[in-house]
Protein backbone atom coordinates (compact mmCIF):
# COMPACT_ATOMS: atom_id res chain seq x y z
CA UNK A 1 102.96 63.30 97.98
CA UNK A 2 102.88 64.14 94.25
CA UNK A 3 99.69 66.16 94.78
CA UNK A 4 101.40 68.23 97.52
CA UNK A 5 104.36 68.97 95.19
CA UNK A 6 101.97 70.15 92.47
CA UNK A 7 100.15 72.42 94.92
CA UNK A 8 103.43 73.84 96.26
CA UNK A 9 104.82 74.34 92.75
CA UNK A 10 101.60 76.02 91.64
CA UNK A 11 101.64 78.27 94.69
CA UNK A 12 105.24 79.29 94.02
CA UNK A 13 104.42 80.14 90.40
CA UNK A 14 101.40 82.23 91.44
CA UNK A 15 103.49 84.02 94.07
CA UNK A 16 106.26 84.72 91.54
CA UNK A 17 103.79 86.16 89.02
CA UNK A 18 102.25 88.36 91.74
CA UNK A 19 105.65 89.65 92.87
CA UNK A 20 106.73 90.35 89.28
CA UNK A 21 103.50 92.21 88.50
CA UNK A 22 103.77 94.33 91.66
CA UNK A 23 107.42 95.17 91.08
CA UNK A 24 106.73 96.01 87.41
CA UNK A 25 104.02 98.51 88.43
CA UNK A 26 106.35 99.97 91.06
CA UNK A 27 109.12 100.37 88.46
CA UNK A 28 106.72 102.05 86.00
CA UNK A 29 105.52 104.45 88.71
CA UNK A 30 109.12 105.23 89.70
CA UNK A 31 110.02 105.92 86.06
CA UNK A 32 107.00 108.18 85.56
CA UNK A 33 107.61 110.23 88.71
CA UNK A 34 111.23 110.74 87.65
CA UNK A 35 110.00 111.91 84.24
CA UNK A 36 107.63 114.53 85.64
CA UNK A 37 109.61 115.83 88.63
CA UNK A 38 112.00 118.70 88.12
CA UNK A 39 111.91 122.33 87.09
CA UNK A 40 109.70 123.73 84.33
CA UNK A 41 110.53 127.18 82.99
CA UNK A 42 107.91 129.16 81.12
CA UNK A 43 105.37 131.92 81.47
CA UNK A 44 101.97 132.85 82.85
CA UNK A 45 99.08 133.74 80.57
CA UNK A 46 95.63 135.21 81.14
CA UNK A 47 92.31 133.55 80.25
CA UNK A 48 92.64 134.51 76.59
CA UNK A 49 95.94 132.61 76.57
CA UNK A 50 97.97 135.68 75.66
CA UNK A 51 101.17 136.10 77.63
CA UNK A 52 100.95 138.26 80.72
CA UNK A 53 103.46 141.13 80.47
CA UNK A 54 106.69 140.28 82.31
CA UNK A 55 105.22 136.87 82.99
CA UNK A 56 108.26 134.64 83.23
CA UNK A 57 107.46 131.84 85.63
CA UNK A 58 108.81 128.59 86.96
CA UNK A 59 107.29 125.44 88.47
CA UNK A 60 109.24 123.08 90.69
CA UNK A 61 107.67 119.61 90.81
CA UNK A 62 108.62 117.13 93.56
CA UNK A 63 107.31 113.75 94.65
CA UNK A 64 105.20 114.15 97.78
CA UNK A 65 103.72 110.69 98.30
CA UNK A 66 102.29 107.69 96.51
CA UNK A 67 100.71 109.12 93.35
CA UNK A 68 101.08 112.67 94.66
CA UNK A 69 103.30 115.62 93.75
CA UNK A 70 104.05 119.01 95.26
CA UNK A 71 104.00 121.96 92.85
CA UNK A 72 105.68 125.29 93.64
CA UNK A 73 104.73 127.69 90.86
CA UNK A 74 106.18 131.20 91.04
CA UNK A 75 106.84 134.34 89.04
CA UNK A 76 105.67 137.95 88.72
CA UNK A 77 101.95 137.13 88.54
CA UNK A 78 101.69 134.38 91.18
CA UNK A 79 103.63 132.45 93.83
CA UNK A 80 101.90 129.38 95.24
CA UNK A 81 102.55 125.83 96.40
CA UNK A 82 99.96 123.06 96.20
CA UNK A 83 99.53 119.28 95.97
CA UNK A 84 98.20 117.25 93.05
CA UNK A 85 97.52 113.59 92.37
CA UNK A 86 98.87 112.33 89.05
CA UNK A 87 97.50 109.67 86.69
CA UNK A 88 98.93 108.16 83.51
CA UNK A 89 96.93 108.72 80.33
CA UNK A 90 98.76 107.40 77.26
CA UNK A 91 101.38 110.04 76.33
CA UNK A 92 100.31 112.42 79.10
CA UNK A 93 100.22 112.48 82.86
CA UNK A 94 97.00 114.10 84.02
CA UNK A 95 96.64 115.83 87.39
CA UNK A 96 93.80 116.38 89.81
CA UNK A 97 93.35 118.23 93.07
CA UNK A 98 93.86 116.33 96.28
CA UNK A 99 92.80 116.58 99.92
CA UNK A 100 90.50 119.39 101.00
CA UNK A 101 90.84 121.15 97.63
CA UNK A 102 89.41 118.06 95.89
CA UNK A 103 86.50 117.92 98.35
CA UNK A 104 85.79 121.66 97.96
CA UNK A 105 85.82 121.42 94.16
CA UNK A 106 83.90 118.18 93.62
CA UNK A 107 81.75 117.82 96.74
CA UNK A 108 83.09 114.51 98.10
CA UNK A 109 86.33 113.09 99.43
CA UNK A 110 88.86 111.52 97.08
CA UNK A 111 88.51 107.74 97.16
CA UNK A 112 84.80 107.91 97.92
CA UNK A 113 84.06 106.21 94.58
CA UNK A 114 86.44 103.30 95.21
CA UNK A 115 84.60 100.47 96.89
CA UNK A 116 87.04 97.61 96.40
CA UNK A 117 90.70 96.98 95.74
CA UNK A 118 92.13 100.34 96.76
CA UNK A 119 92.58 103.36 94.55
CA UNK A 120 93.58 101.49 91.38
CA UNK A 121 92.98 97.86 92.34
CA UNK A 122 89.56 97.76 90.68
CA UNK A 123 90.61 98.98 87.20
CA UNK A 124 88.71 97.19 84.46
CA UNK A 125 88.61 96.84 80.69
CA UNK A 126 92.11 98.18 80.02
CA UNK A 127 91.34 101.52 81.67
CA UNK A 128 94.20 103.95 81.97
CA UNK A 129 94.82 105.36 85.46
CA UNK A 130 93.21 108.62 84.32
CA UNK A 131 90.09 106.98 82.86
CA UNK A 132 89.73 104.93 86.03
CA UNK A 133 90.02 108.08 88.14
CA UNK A 134 87.38 109.86 86.03
CA UNK A 135 85.00 106.90 86.10
CA UNK A 136 85.26 106.40 89.87
CA UNK A 137 85.66 109.93 91.20
CA UNK A 138 83.97 112.37 88.83
CA UNK A 139 80.72 113.29 87.18
CA UNK A 140 80.46 114.31 83.55
CA UNK A 141 81.46 117.94 83.19
CA UNK A 142 83.89 118.03 86.13
CA UNK A 143 86.82 120.25 85.18
CA UNK A 144 90.52 119.53 85.55
CA UNK A 145 93.21 122.12 85.43
CA UNK A 146 96.51 120.66 84.30
CA UNK A 147 98.65 118.02 82.68
CA UNK A 148 102.14 116.93 81.78
CA UNK A 149 102.65 116.41 78.03
CA UNK A 150 105.31 113.69 77.92
CA UNK A 151 106.00 114.19 74.19
CA UNK A 152 106.93 117.84 74.69
CA UNK A 153 108.29 117.67 78.27
CA UNK A 154 105.84 120.37 79.28
CA UNK A 155 103.55 121.16 82.21
CA UNK A 156 100.38 123.24 81.97
CA UNK A 157 98.09 124.33 84.78
CA UNK A 158 95.23 126.84 85.10
CA UNK A 159 94.72 128.81 88.32
CA UNK A 160 91.31 130.30 89.06
CA UNK A 161 91.75 133.54 91.00
CA UNK A 162 88.73 133.50 93.32
CA UNK A 163 85.30 131.85 93.35
CA UNK A 164 82.81 131.67 90.52
CA UNK A 165 82.93 131.44 86.75
CA UNK A 166 83.55 135.13 86.07
CA UNK A 167 86.83 135.31 87.98
CA UNK A 168 90.08 135.72 86.10
CA UNK A 169 92.27 132.77 85.25
CA UNK A 170 96.03 132.59 85.07
CA UNK A 171 97.60 129.76 83.11
CA UNK A 172 101.12 128.41 83.53
CA UNK A 173 102.98 126.80 80.64
CA UNK A 174 106.51 125.53 81.13
CA UNK A 175 109.09 123.27 79.52
CA UNK A 176 111.24 120.98 81.65
CA UNK A 177 114.84 122.12 82.03
């Protein structure tokens, strides 16, 4: 009977630790999404990073799903809406393409590199979410086009206007209102 009580007590402790860990991650994710969602007011720039004339711009960021945001970026130079996945990286939140755009850019579907434990369940060696994403989903030299700088409450993203390396780029830089 004493052995059964020890097993039950041990099971309850393990279950409590699991529930606490899961809820802690959920709280952190909820906090982070609240920090990055909202309106960012700024400007567009060209590839040389000089401001585009009359380039005032705005980006509205909204939660779209688990680890995913919707971005509506608009102004004189560009008006577009797209989806991004977001990943914590120390004092930044890095973003990456999702869905068909990810597959078109990198040549495989998102999640193809994850063989066990779901999208983040196989993180090892104190990897950040971003480092884990890079290690599992990308090859060296793969480019990424944006980030949230949490220290400056800013969002930056580069748009490539067409296919190929010689096509013009438009950058967005905005500060959260």
